[in-house]
Protein backbone atom coordinates (compact mmCIF):
# COMPACT_ATOMS: atom_id res chain seq x y z
CA MET A 1 44.23 111.73 28.68
CA THR A 2 42.78 114.95 27.38
CA LEU A 3 43.83 117.04 24.40
CA GLY A 4 44.41 120.76 23.83
CA LEU A 5 45.05 122.36 20.45
CA LYS A 6 47.21 125.35 19.64
CA HIS A 7 46.51 126.61 16.09
CA ASP A 8 44.07 127.01 13.17
CA PHE A 9 45.07 126.75 9.50
CA THR A 10 44.33 127.54 5.82
CA VAL A 11 43.37 125.07 3.06
CA GLY A 12 46.46 123.63 1.35
CA GLN A 13 48.87 124.97 3.96
CA ILE A 14 52.26 123.24 3.89
CA GLY A 15 54.30 123.20 7.08
CA ALA A 16 51.21 123.70 9.27
CA ARG A 17 52.26 122.62 12.75
CA ILE A 18 49.52 120.56 14.37
CA ILE A 19 50.46 120.93 18.03
CA LEU A 20 48.64 118.82 20.59
CA GLU A 21 48.87 119.28 24.34
CA ILE A 22 48.28 116.09 26.28
CA VAL A 23 46.90 116.82 29.71
CA ARG A 24 45.46 114.87 32.63
CA LEU A 25 43.02 115.84 35.34
CA ASN A 26 44.62 115.78 38.77
CA PRO A 27 42.08 113.87 40.90
CA ILE A 28 43.02 115.77 44.07
CA THR A 29 43.17 119.36 42.80
CA GLU A 30 40.73 118.78 39.89
CA VAL A 31 43.01 120.90 37.70
CA LEU A 32 44.20 119.90 34.22
CA ALA A 33 47.98 119.67 34.00
CA ALA A 34 50.36 118.69 31.21
CA LEU A 35 51.17 114.98 31.09
CA ASP A 36 54.92 114.33 30.84
CA VAL A 37 55.22 112.28 27.63
CA SER A 38 59.04 112.39 27.47
CA THR A 39 59.29 108.60 27.88
CA ALA A 40 56.77 107.80 25.14
CA THR A 41 57.94 105.02 22.84
CA THR A 42 55.03 105.57 20.45
CA LYS A 43 53.50 108.92 19.49
CA GLU A 44 50.79 109.17 16.82
CA ILE A 45 48.56 112.01 15.68
CA THR A 46 45.45 111.30 13.62
CA ILE A 47 43.39 113.93 11.82
CA LEU A 48 39.94 113.32 10.33
CA LYS A 49 38.83 115.71 7.59
CA PRO A 50 35.43 117.46 7.65
CA ASP A 51 33.96 114.93 5.17
CA GLN A 52 34.37 112.32 7.97
CA LEU A 53 35.78 109.91 5.34
CA THR A 54 39.42 110.91 4.96
CA LYS A 55 41.94 110.23 7.72
CA LYS A 56 45.66 111.03 7.96
CA VAL A 57 47.85 109.37 10.59
CA TYR A 58 51.24 110.84 11.46
CA VAL A 59 53.55 108.23 13.05
CA GLY A 60 57.17 107.58 13.93
CA GLY A 61 59.54 110.41 13.02
CA GLY A 62 56.56 112.41 11.72
CA VAL A 63 55.53 113.15 15.32
CA THR A 64 57.99 115.11 17.45
CA PHE A 65 58.17 116.89 20.78
CA THR A 66 57.36 120.59 20.30
CA GLN A 67 60.52 122.69 20.26
CA PRO A 68 60.99 126.23 21.65
CA PRO A 69 59.57 128.82 21.50
CA ASP A 70 56.26 126.89 21.62
CA GLY A 71 57.44 124.03 23.83
CA VAL A 72 60.45 122.90 25.85
CA GLY A 73 61.44 120.25 23.30
CA ASP A 74 61.60 117.14 25.45
CA GLY A 75 57.94 116.19 26.00
CA THR A 76 57.86 117.09 29.69
CA ASP A 77 55.33 119.82 28.82
CA GLY A 78 52.93 117.34 27.19
CA LEU A 79 53.36 118.90 23.73
CA ILE A 80 53.70 116.81 20.57
CA GLU A 81 53.32 117.91 16.98
CA ALA A 82 53.24 116.91 13.34
CA ALA A 83 53.64 119.19 10.33
CA THR A 84 51.82 118.97 7.02
CA VAL A 85 54.04 118.22 4.02
CA LEU A 86 51.45 118.04 1.21
CA THR A 87 48.75 120.51 0.15
CA THR A 88 46.25 117.62 0.22
CA GLU A 89 46.57 117.06 3.98
CA LEU A 90 44.44 120.12 4.79
CA SER A 91 42.47 120.13 1.53
CA GLN A 92 38.96 120.78 2.86
CA PRO A 93 37.74 123.91 4.64
CA GLY A 94 35.90 123.21 7.88
CA THR A 95 36.34 121.52 11.23
CA TYR A 96 38.88 118.71 11.51
CA GLN A 97 38.97 116.22 14.38
CA THR A 98 42.25 115.10 15.87
CA GLN A 99 43.44 112.58 18.43
CA ALA A 100 46.78 111.45 19.84
CA TYR A 101 47.86 107.91 20.66
CA ILE A 102 50.66 107.45 23.21
CA ILE A 103 52.51 104.42 24.56
CA MET A 104 54.84 104.96 27.51
CA PRO A 105 55.42 103.37 30.91
CA GLY A 106 52.13 103.52 32.80
CA GLU A 107 50.15 104.85 29.81
CA ASP A 108 48.86 103.21 26.68
CA GLY A 109 45.97 104.70 24.80
CA PHE A 110 44.18 107.40 22.92
CA THR A 111 43.46 110.90 24.12
CA GLN A 112 40.04 112.41 23.87
CA THR A 113 39.37 114.01 20.50
CA GLY A 114 39.83 117.69 19.78
CA THR A 115 39.07 119.92 16.82
CA PHE A 116 40.73 122.63 14.77
CA THR A 117 39.51 124.79 11.91
CA VAL A 118 40.86 125.03 8.38
CA GLY A 119 39.72 128.18 6.60
CA PRO A 120 39.33 128.70 2.85
CA VAL A 121 41.74 130.60 0.64
CA LEU A 122 39.98 133.61 -0.89
């Protein structure tokens, strides 16, 4: 499973939507396509701050299928998301790493990692 990211953020941002697109390489066409995650029983999103020491894991009801207008809302488009609720979740400017973990029929595992940028407040 591969990962695509949709947004960049600002330090201390509350309500920042961390949207991950889970895709898979079609072995015949060699084209990346969204992986239907609508049957996932477990969805997790982990972010690792730039200091490489601090990790935040969003689980359970904290990870949802991305609703319109950004997604279709049911996971068939491969989009999942979590939103920040505390200013400390994006407390460091720099490059964050992120990864999804999915369990569903026929799939059980982590995606590749991706990155997003958190900019400073001037």
